[in-house]
Amino acid sequence: MEILIKGIVFLLLGFGLRYWINRRKFNRRNVAGLEGFSNYEKATFINFIERIGK
């Protein structure tokens, strides 16, 4: 049971770290100084839907 709890904690920490890193990466502006999406969640959702559509 202890191993299961540790596994879940590490899994959640991994997802949190990945979200934080990708959000910081998203918030950087491109070469032209423009951002294509209004927020990170919208960009993630649209990219996910586009992958499914492909």
PDB file of N, CA and C in Angstrom:
ATOM      1  N   MET A   1       0.816  -1.192   0.000  1.00  0.00           N
ATOM      2  CA  MET A   1       0.000   0.000   0.000  1.00  0.00           C
ATOM      3  C   MET A   1       0.864   1.262   0.000  1.00  0.00           C
ATOM      4  N   GLU A   2       1.961   1.220   0.719  1.00  0.00           N
ATOM      5  CA  GLU A   2       2.865   2.360   0.787  1.00  0.00           C
ATOM      6  C   GLU A   2       3.485   2.657  -0.574  1.00  0.00           C
ATOM      7  N   ILE A   3       3.809   1.623  -1.324  1.00  0.00           N
ATOM      8  CA  ILE A   3       4.395   1.806  -2.652  1.00  0.00           C
ATOM      9  C   ILE A   3       3.386   2.466  -3.586  1.00  0.00           C
ATOM     10  N   LEU A   4       2.127   2.090  -3.492  1.00  0.00           N
ATOM     11  CA  LEU A   4       1.074   2.681  -4.316  1.00  0.00           C
ATOM     12  C   LEU A   4       0.939   4.173  -4.032  1.00  0.00           C
ATOM     13  N   ILE A   5       0.972   4.552  -2.784  1.00  0.00           N
ATOM     14  CA  ILE A   5       0.854   5.968  -2.406  1.00  0.00           C
ATOM     15  C   ILE A   5       2.051   6.760  -2.920  1.00  0.00           C
ATOM     16  N   LYS A   6       3.251   6.212  -2.757  1.00  0.00           N
ATOM     17  CA  LYS A   6       4.446   6.879  -3.272  1.00  0.00           C
ATOM     18  C   LYS A   6       4.379   7.014  -4.784  1.00  0.00           C
ATOM     19  N   GLY A   7       3.905   5.992  -5.468  1.00  0.00           N
ATOM     20  CA  GLY A   7       3.780   6.038  -6.917  1.00  0.00           C
ATOM     21  C   GLY A   7       2.827   7.128  -7.373  1.00  0.00           C
ATOM     22  N   ILE A   8       1.700   7.240  -6.689  1.00  0.00           N
ATOM     23  CA  ILE A   8       0.719   8.272  -7.035  1.00  0.00           C
ATOM     24  C   ILE A   8       1.296   9.665  -6.776  1.00  0.00           C
ATOM     25  N   VAL A   9       2.004   9.828  -5.666  1.00  0.00           N
ATOM     26  CA  VAL A   9       2.605  11.125  -5.346  1.00  0.00           C
ATOM     27  C   VAL A   9       3.627  11.507  -6.410  1.00  0.00           C
ATOM     28  N   PHE A  10       4.500  10.589  -6.802  1.00  0.00           N
ATOM     29  CA  PHE A  10       5.496  10.885  -7.821  1.00  0.00           C
ATOM     30  C   PHE A  10       4.845  11.156  -9.179  1.00  0.00           C
ATOM     31  N   LEU A  11       3.786  10.456  -9.493  1.00  0.00           N
ATOM     32  CA  LEU A  11       3.068  10.682 -10.737  1.00  0.00           C
ATOM     33  C   LEU A  11       2.475  12.094 -10.760  1.00  0.00           C
ATOM     34  N   LEU A  12       1.842  12.502  -9.668  1.00  0.00           N
ATOM     35  CA  LEU A  12       1.277  13.845  -9.591  1.00  0.00           C
ATOM     36  C   LEU A  12       2.363  14.918  -9.649  1.00  0.00           C
ATOM     37  N   LEU A  13       3.479  14.682  -8.971  1.00  0.00           N
ATOM     38  CA  LEU A  13       4.594  15.634  -9.040  1.00  0.00           C
ATOM     39  C   LEU A  13       5.134  15.742 -10.465  1.00  0.00           C
ATOM     40  N   GLY A  14       5.219  14.627 -11.152  1.00  0.00           N
ATOM     41  CA  GLY A  14       5.686  14.632 -12.544  1.00  0.00           C
ATOM     42  C   GLY A  14       4.759  15.418 -13.447  1.00  0.00           C
ATOM     43  N   PHE A  15       3.442  15.199 -13.305  1.00  0.00           N
ATOM     44  CA  PHE A  15       2.485  15.946 -14.111  1.00  0.00           C
ATOM     45  C   PHE A  15       2.550  17.438 -13.778  1.00  0.00           C
ATOM     46  N   GLY A  16       2.668  17.763 -12.509  1.00  0.00           N
ATOM     47  CA  GLY A  16       2.763  19.163 -12.100  1.00  0.00           C
ATOM     48  C   GLY A  16       3.998  19.837 -12.658  1.00  0.00           C
ATOM     49  N   LEU A  17       5.123  19.150 -12.596  1.00  0.00           N
ATOM     50  CA  LEU A  17       6.375  19.698 -13.121  1.00  0.00           C
ATOM     51  C   LEU A  17       6.288  19.892 -14.622  1.00  0.00           C
ATOM     52  N   ARG A  18       5.714  18.927 -15.312  1.00  0.00           N
ATOM     53  CA  ARG A  18       5.571  19.028 -16.768  1.00  0.00           C
ATOM     54  C   ARG A  18       4.660  20.199 -17.144  1.00  0.00           C
ATOM     55  N   TYR A  19       3.554  20.372 -16.419  1.00  0.00           N
ATOM     56  CA  TYR A  19       2.642  21.484 -16.659  1.00  0.00           C
ATOM     57  C   TYR A  19       3.358  22.818 -16.430  1.00  0.00           C
ATOM     58  N   TRP A  20       4.097  22.925 -15.332  1.00  0.00           N
ATOM     59  CA  TRP A  20       4.794  24.165 -15.002  1.00  0.00           C
ATOM     60  C   TRP A  20       5.828  24.527 -16.057  1.00  0.00           C
ATOM     61  N   ILE A  21       6.614  23.563 -16.501  1.00  0.00           N
ATOM     62  CA  ILE A  21       7.643  23.802 -17.514  1.00  0.00           C
ATOM     63  C   ILE A  21       7.013  24.206 -18.836  1.00  0.00           C
ATOM     64  N   ASN A  22       5.973  23.472 -19.256  1.00  0.00           N
ATOM     65  CA  ASN A  22       5.329  23.796 -20.529  1.00  0.00           C
ATOM     66  C   ASN A  22       4.623  25.138 -20.487  1.00  0.00           C
ATOM     67  N   ARG A  23       4.074  25.494 -19.332  1.00  0.00           N
ATOM     68  CA  ARG A  23       3.417  26.792 -19.210  1.00  0.00           C
ATOM     69  C   ARG A  23       4.435  27.917 -19.320  1.00  0.00           C
ATOM     70  N   ARG A  24       5.574  27.773 -18.692  1.00  0.00           N
ATOM     71  CA  ARG A  24       6.637  28.781 -18.801  1.00  0.00           C
ATOM     72  C   ARG A  24       7.118  28.888 -20.238  1.00  0.00           C
ATOM     73  N   LYS A  25       7.260  27.747 -20.897  1.00  0.00           N
ATOM     74  CA  LYS A  25       7.690  27.726 -22.295  1.00  0.00           C
ATOM     75  C   LYS A  25       6.663  28.432 -23.184  1.00  0.00           C
ATOM     76  N   PHE A  26       5.385  28.185 -22.924  1.00  0.00           N
ATOM     77  CA  PHE A  26       4.311  28.805 -23.696  1.00  0.00           C
ATOM     78  C   PHE A  26       4.313  30.317 -23.533  1.00  0.00           C
ATOM     79  N   ASN A  27       4.538  30.800 -22.338  1.00  0.00           N
ATOM     80  CA  ASN A  27       4.452  32.227 -22.062  1.00  0.00           C
ATOM     81  C   ASN A  27       5.569  33.034 -22.700  1.00  0.00           C
ATOM     82  N   ARG A  28       6.564  32.363 -23.236  1.00  0.00           N
ATOM     83  CA  ARG A  28       7.603  33.088 -23.968  1.00  0.00           C
ATOM     84  C   ARG A  28       7.043  33.517 -25.316  1.00  0.00           C
ATOM     85  N   ARG A  29       7.438  34.650 -25.740  1.00  0.00           N
ATOM     86  CA  ARG A  29       6.951  35.160 -27.022  1.00  0.00           C
ATOM     87  C   ARG A  29       7.820  34.631 -28.162  1.00  0.00           C
ATOM     88  N   ASN A  30       7.229  34.590 -29.369  1.00  0.00           N
ATOM     89  CA  ASN A  30       7.967  34.123 -30.533  1.00  0.00           C
ATOM     90  C   ASN A  30       8.841  35.248 -31.087  1.00  0.00           C
ATOM     91  N   VAL A  31       9.444  35.010 -32.231  1.00  0.00           N
ATOM     92  CA  VAL A  31      10.375  35.969 -32.830  1.00  0.00           C
ATOM     93  C   VAL A  31       9.695  37.299 -33.130  1.00  0.00           C
ATOM     94  N   ALA A  32       8.439  37.248 -33.570  1.00  0.00           N
ATOM     95  CA  ALA A  32       7.713  38.467 -33.913  1.00  0.00           C
ATOM     96  C   ALA A  32       7.150  39.182 -32.687  1.00  0.00           C
ATOM     97  N   GLY A  33       7.242  38.571 -31.519  1.00  0.00           N
ATOM     98  CA  GLY A  33       6.709  39.171 -30.305  1.00  0.00           C
ATOM     99  C   GLY A  33       5.224  38.954 -30.129  1.00  0.00           C
ATOM    100  N   LEU A  34       4.651  38.014 -30.872  1.00  0.00           N
ATOM    101  CA  LEU A  34       3.217  37.743 -30.803  1.00  0.00           C
ATOM    102  C   LEU A  34       2.948  36.379 -30.205  1.00  0.00           C
ATOM    103  N   GLU A  35       1.769  36.232 -29.613  1.00  0.00           N
ATOM    104  CA  GLU A  35       1.327  34.936 -29.112  1.00  0.00           C
ATOM    105  C   GLU A  35       0.082  34.529 -29.886  1.00  0.00           C
ATOM    106  N   GLY A  36       0.030  33.264 -30.300  1.00  0.00           N
ATOM    107  CA  GLY A  36      -1.077  32.798 -31.117  1.00  0.00           C
ATOM    108  C   GLY A  36      -2.326  32.462 -30.332  1.00  0.00           C
ATOM    109  N   PHE A  37      -2.216  32.191 -29.044  1.00  0.00           N
ATOM    110  CA  PHE A  37      -3.356  31.809 -28.211  1.00  0.00           C
ATOM    111  C   PHE A  37      -3.486  32.769 -27.042  1.00  0.00           C
ATOM    112  N   SER A  38      -4.707  32.904 -26.557  1.00  0.00           N
ATOM    113  CA  SER A  38      -4.936  33.828 -25.450  1.00  0.00           C
ATOM    114  C   SER A  38      -4.481  33.263 -24.104  1.00  0.00           C
ATOM    115  N   ASN A  39      -4.481  31.901 -23.965  1.00  0.00           N
ATOM    116  CA  ASN A  39      -3.991  31.308 -22.728  1.00  0.00           C
ATOM    117  C   ASN A  39      -3.469  29.888 -22.976  1.00  0.00           C
ATOM    118  N   TYR A  40      -2.767  29.362 -22.007  1.00  0.00           N
ATOM    119  CA  TYR A  40      -2.112  28.066 -22.141  1.00  0.00           C
ATOM    120  C   TYR A  40      -3.122  26.935 -22.277  1.00  0.00           C
ATOM    121  N   GLU A  41      -4.191  26.981 -21.492  1.00  0.00           N
ATOM    122  CA  GLU A  41      -5.183  25.906 -21.518  1.00  0.00           C
ATOM    123  C   GLU A  41      -5.863  25.807 -22.886  1.00  0.00           C
ATOM    124  N   LYS A  42      -6.173  26.934 -23.492  1.00  0.00           N
ATOM    125  CA  LYS A  42      -6.792  26.939 -24.816  1.00  0.00           C
ATOM    126  C   LYS A  42      -5.836  26.348 -25.853  1.00  0.00           C
ATOM    127  N   ALA A  43      -4.571  26.718 -25.798  1.00  0.00           N
ATOM    128  CA  ALA A  43      -3.583  26.191 -26.742  1.00  0.00           C
ATOM    129  C   ALA A  43      -3.439  24.680 -26.578  1.00  0.00           C
ATOM    130  N   THR A  44      -3.398  24.211 -25.338  1.00  0.00           N
ATOM    131  CA  THR A  44      -3.270  22.781 -25.075  1.00  0.00           C
ATOM    132  C   THR A  44      -4.484  22.026 -25.598  1.00  0.00           C
ATOM    133  N   PHE A  45      -5.680  22.544 -25.341  1.00  0.00           N
ATOM    134  CA  PHE A  45      -6.907  21.890 -25.789  1.00  0.00           C
ATOM    135  C   PHE A  45      -6.968  21.843 -27.315  1.00  0.00           C
ATOM    136  N   ILE A  46      -6.665  22.942 -27.981  1.00  0.00           N
ATOM    137  CA  ILE A  46      -6.728  22.989 -29.443  1.00  0.00           C
ATOM    138  C   ILE A  46      -5.711  22.036 -30.056  1.00  0.00           C
ATOM    139  N   ASN A  47      -4.491  22.005 -29.519  1.00  0.00           N
ATOM    140  CA  ASN A  47      -3.469  21.082 -30.030  1.00  0.00           C
ATOM    141  C   ASN A  47      -3.899  19.631 -29.835  1.00  0.00           C
ATOM    142  N   PHE A  48      -4.526  19.324 -28.716  1.00  0.00           N
ATOM    143  CA  PHE A  48      -4.993  17.968 -28.442  1.00  0.00           C
ATOM    144  C   PHE A  48      -6.073  17.553 -29.451  1.00  0.00           C
ATOM    145  N   ILE A  49      -7.028  18.434 -29.687  1.00  0.00           N
ATOM    146  CA  ILE A  49      -8.095  18.151 -30.640  1.00  0.00           C
ATOM    147  C   ILE A  49      -7.532  17.977 -32.056  1.00  0.00           C
ATOM    148  N   GLU A  50      -6.563  18.799 -32.401  1.00  0.00           N
ATOM    149  CA  GLU A  50      -5.952  18.690 -33.732  1.00  0.00           C
ATOM    150  C   GLU A  50      -5.219  17.361 -33.886  1.00  0.00           C
ATOM    151  N   ARG A  51      -4.555  16.886 -32.841  1.00  0.00           N
ATOM    152  CA  ARG A  51      -3.867  15.588 -32.912  1.00  0.00           C
ATOM    153  C   ARG A  51      -4.855  14.454 -33.118  1.00  0.00           C
ATOM    154  N   ILE A  52      -5.982  14.520 -32.415  1.00  0.00           N
ATOM    155  CA  ILE A  52      -7.006  13.494 -32.577  1.00  0.00           C
ATOM    156  C   ILE A  52      -7.562  13.530 -33.997  1.00  0.00           C
ATOM    157  N   GLY A  53      -7.755  14.741 -34.512  1.00  0.00           N
ATOM    158  CA  GLY A  53      -8.284  14.896 -35.858  1.00  0.00           C
ATOM    159  C   GLY A  53      -7.359  14.364 -36.944  1.00  0.00           C
ATOM    160  N   LYS A  54      -6.071  14.403 -36.687  1.00  0.00           N
ATOM    161  CA  LYS A  54      -5.106  13.891 -37.662  1.00  0.00           C
ATOM    162  C   LYS A  54      -5.165  12.391 -37.715  1.00  0.00           C
TER     163      LYS A  54
END
